[in-house]
Amino acid sequence: MFQQRDIRTQTEIINTTMKLAGIELPDSIQLNETPLYLNGAAIRSKFFIQTYVIALYAARPVTSAEDGISSDIERSLRMYITTPLATSKVVSENIQSGMKDSLGELYKKQYDLIEDLRRVIEQSGVHYKDNIDIYVTSDGELKLYKNEAEIYHNKNGRLFAQSIYSMYLGSRPKDPQIKRALLKGF
């Protein structure tokens, strides 16, 4: 369960960072006027190329797949694009492919939303050194941020958010090691 931290510990947490693949991951970020804390992070590689760093930030510790996927905890999956080979089209296609692989039948049911997400990412011009946040509010709203600027908002995005988070935390994750790393808690 979440435990209160003393002020000294909070200050120490805010002023420290983790580094993966040359990317400094702050221990806390603020999105949607909500402070979120680094819960876990990992490097995603494809064909021996580090493509992005994925980090789970949350308002409270997330240590179970269930909490990471469908709780009311404010949380964000942040992807730091680490390869110069990345274009917005490549990023959107990778997300679409990952969802297709991990969601099974649910992919077909959410195809229109997935296409909408793919289109938004492509139009945003995401590329090398950008970050994308896939943020879900306690009310089930889904928001996408590019470099902390909102680019997408779906007020009824709970099921869609659960689908996206299932790619990394579900029963058929993209990579079981990434799932374990994201669920470390803080």
Protein backbone atom coordinates (compact mmCIF):
# COMPACT_ATOMS: atom_id res chain seq x y z
CA MET A 1 0.00 0.00 0.00
CA PHE A 2 1.08 3.58 -0.55
CA GLN A 3 2.95 5.09 2.36
CA GLN A 4 3.37 8.75 3.15
CA ARG A 5 6.91 10.05 2.67
CA ASP A 6 8.49 12.74 4.76
CA ILE A 7 9.25 16.10 3.12
CA ARG A 8 13.01 15.42 2.97
CA THR A 9 12.39 12.20 1.04
CA GLN A 10 9.96 13.92 -1.35
CA THR A 11 12.57 16.60 -2.11
CA GLU A 12 15.24 13.97 -2.69
CA ILE A 13 12.95 12.09 -5.06
CA ILE A 14 12.10 15.15 -7.12
CA ASN A 15 15.76 16.12 -7.51
CA THR A 16 17.10 12.76 -8.70
CA THR A 17 16.99 11.05 -12.08
CA MET A 18 17.47 7.62 -13.60
CA LYS A 19 19.37 7.20 -16.86
CA LEU A 20 18.56 4.59 -19.52
CA ALA A 21 19.93 4.53 -23.08
CA GLY A 22 21.36 8.00 -22.54
CA ILE A 23 17.93 9.39 -21.56
CA GLU A 24 17.54 11.00 -18.15
CA LEU A 25 14.25 9.94 -16.60
CA PRO A 26 13.10 12.32 -13.91
CA ASP A 27 11.70 10.75 -10.76
CA SER A 28 8.62 12.93 -11.16
CA ILE A 29 6.73 14.72 -13.91
CA GLN A 30 3.57 16.78 -13.95
CA LEU A 31 0.79 16.23 -16.48
CA ASN A 32 -2.82 17.36 -16.33
CA GLU A 33 -1.82 19.42 -13.27
CA THR A 34 -1.07 16.16 -11.42
CA PRO A 35 2.33 15.12 -10.06
CA LEU A 36 3.31 11.64 -11.23
CA TYR A 37 6.24 9.59 -9.93
CA LEU A 38 8.49 7.17 -11.76
CA ASN A 39 7.13 3.68 -11.10
CA GLY A 40 9.48 1.75 -13.41
CA ALA A 41 11.23 1.95 -16.77
CA ALA A 42 12.84 -0.21 -19.44
CA ILE A 43 14.43 -0.05 -22.88
CA ARG A 44 12.51 -1.40 -25.87
CA SER A 45 14.72 -2.78 -28.63
CA LYS A 46 13.86 -4.06 -32.06
CA PHE A 47 16.39 -5.87 -34.23
CA PHE A 48 19.20 -4.92 -31.81
CA ILE A 49 18.33 -1.21 -32.07
CA GLN A 50 17.17 0.63 -28.98
CA THR A 51 13.96 2.21 -30.26
CA TYR A 52 12.54 3.83 -27.14
CA VAL A 53 12.63 3.97 -23.38
CA ILE A 54 9.26 3.28 -21.80
CA ALA A 55 8.49 4.57 -18.31
CA LEU A 56 5.41 4.26 -16.15
CA TYR A 57 4.66 7.34 -14.06
CA ALA A 58 1.83 7.22 -11.51
CA ALA A 59 0.26 9.27 -8.73
CA ARG A 60 0.48 6.21 -6.42
CA PRO A 61 2.67 3.10 -6.66
CA VAL A 62 1.56 0.55 -9.22
CA THR A 63 2.84 -2.97 -8.52
CA SER A 64 0.18 -5.17 -10.12
CA ALA A 65 -0.87 -5.53 -13.74
CA GLU A 66 -4.49 -5.00 -12.70
CA ASP A 67 -3.72 -1.61 -11.13
CA GLY A 68 -1.59 -0.62 -14.11
CA ILE A 69 -4.29 -1.50 -16.59
CA SER A 70 -7.65 -0.70 -15.04
CA SER A 71 -7.39 1.17 -11.73
CA ASP A 72 -8.39 4.77 -11.13
CA ILE A 73 -4.77 5.74 -10.42
CA GLU A 74 -3.69 8.73 -12.53
CA ARG A 75 -0.85 7.35 -14.65
CA SER A 76 1.12 7.78 -17.82
CA LEU A 77 3.16 5.54 -20.05
CA ARG A 78 5.93 7.78 -21.36
CA MET A 79 7.90 6.76 -24.44
CA TYR A 80 11.19 8.51 -25.07
CA ILE A 81 12.12 8.00 -28.74
CA THR A 82 15.80 6.99 -28.77
CA THR A 83 16.56 6.17 -32.40
CA PRO A 84 17.25 8.66 -35.19
CA LEU A 85 15.48 6.17 -37.50
CA ALA A 86 12.12 7.02 -35.90
CA THR A 87 9.54 8.96 -37.87
CA SER A 88 5.98 9.66 -36.80
CA LYS A 89 4.81 7.01 -39.28
CA VAL A 90 7.20 4.38 -37.88
CA VAL A 91 6.19 5.22 -34.29
CA SER A 92 2.47 5.01 -35.07
CA GLU A 93 2.88 1.74 -36.99
CA ASN A 94 4.87 0.22 -34.12
CA ILE A 95 2.16 1.14 -31.63
CA GLN A 96 -0.52 -0.25 -33.94
CA SER A 97 1.45 -3.47 -34.47
CA GLY A 98 2.07 -3.88 -30.75
CA MET A 99 -1.62 -3.45 -30.00
CA LYS A 100 -2.58 -5.97 -32.67
CA ASP A 101 -0.13 -8.54 -31.27
CA SER A 102 -1.13 -8.15 -27.64
CA LEU A 103 -4.88 -7.46 -27.78
CA GLY A 104 -6.20 -10.32 -29.89
CA GLU A 105 -9.99 -9.97 -30.46
CA LEU A 106 -10.11 -6.67 -28.58
CA TYR A 107 -7.99 -5.17 -31.38
CA LYS A 108 -10.82 -5.62 -33.88
CA LYS A 109 -13.35 -4.07 -31.50
CA GLN A 110 -11.20 -0.98 -31.05
CA TYR A 111 -9.86 -0.68 -34.57
CA ASP A 112 -11.40 2.77 -35.19
CA LEU A 113 -9.85 4.20 -32.01
CA ILE A 114 -6.49 2.62 -32.84
CA GLU A 115 -6.60 4.17 -36.31
CA ASP A 116 -7.49 7.53 -34.74
CA LEU A 117 -4.50 7.23 -32.40
CA ARG A 118 -2.22 6.27 -35.30
CA ARG A 119 -3.40 9.27 -37.31
CA VAL A 120 -2.88 11.69 -34.38
CA ILE A 121 0.65 10.44 -33.78
CA GLU A 122 1.53 10.71 -37.48
CA GLN A 123 0.12 14.24 -37.70
CA SER A 124 1.99 15.30 -34.55
CA GLY A 125 5.35 14.82 -36.27
CA VAL A 126 6.86 12.65 -33.51
CA HIS A 127 10.51 11.85 -34.13
CA TYR A 128 13.90 11.23 -32.52
CA LYS A 129 14.32 12.69 -29.00
CA ASP A 130 10.60 13.39 -28.58
CA ASN A 131 8.52 11.87 -25.83
CA ILE A 132 4.93 10.71 -25.97
CA ASP A 133 2.74 10.33 -22.88
CA ILE A 134 -0.26 8.02 -22.91
CA TYR A 135 -2.06 9.43 -19.89
CA VAL A 136 -5.19 8.11 -18.20
CA THR A 137 -7.08 10.11 -15.59
CA SER A 138 -8.88 8.74 -12.55
CA ASP A 139 -12.14 9.44 -14.45
CA GLY A 140 -11.09 7.27 -17.39
CA GLU A 141 -10.15 10.02 -19.79
CA LEU A 142 -7.34 9.23 -22.21
CA LYS A 143 -4.92 11.99 -23.15
CA LEU A 144 -1.90 11.94 -25.41
CA TYR A 145 0.93 14.39 -24.95
CA LYS A 146 3.89 15.07 -27.21
CA ASN A 147 6.71 16.72 -25.28
CA GLU A 148 4.15 17.57 -22.57
CA ALA A 149 1.74 19.37 -24.96
CA GLU A 150 -1.67 17.71 -25.26
CA ILE A 151 -2.36 16.36 -28.77
CA TYR A 152 -5.35 14.06 -28.14
CA HIS A 153 -8.18 13.80 -25.65
CA ASN A 154 -10.90 11.16 -25.37
CA LYS A 155 -13.34 11.72 -22.48
CA ASN A 156 -14.61 8.13 -22.75
CA GLY A 157 -11.19 6.56 -23.14
CA ARG A 158 -11.12 4.10 -20.22
CA LEU A 159 -11.46 0.92 -22.33
CA PHE A 160 -9.07 2.26 -24.95
CA ALA A 161 -6.55 3.23 -22.25
CA GLN A 162 -6.85 -0.26 -20.78
CA SER A 163 -6.09 -1.69 -24.22
CA ILE A 164 -2.97 0.43 -24.60
CA TYR A 165 -1.70 -0.34 -21.10
CA SER A 166 -2.38 -4.05 -21.71
CA MET A 167 0.23 -3.96 -24.48
CA TYR A 168 2.88 -3.58 -21.78
CA LEU A 169 1.21 -4.91 -18.62
CA GLY A 170 -1.36 -7.46 -19.80
CA SER A 171 -1.32 -11.24 -19.94
CA ARG A 172 0.38 -11.10 -23.37
CA PRO A 173 2.76 -8.14 -23.02
CA LYS A 174 5.12 -7.01 -25.78
CA ASP A 175 7.98 -8.03 -23.50
CA PRO A 176 7.62 -9.72 -20.07
CA GLN A 177 10.86 -8.10 -18.85
CA ILE A 178 9.48 -4.66 -19.63
CA LYS A 179 6.29 -5.54 -17.74
CA ARG A 180 8.31 -6.49 -14.65
CA ALA A 181 10.42 -3.32 -14.88
CA LEU A 182 7.36 -1.06 -15.18
CA LEU A 183 5.65 -2.63 -12.14
CA LYS A 184 8.50 -2.07 -9.67
CA GLY A 185 6.66 0.63 -7.74
CA PHE A 186 8.29 3.55 -5.95
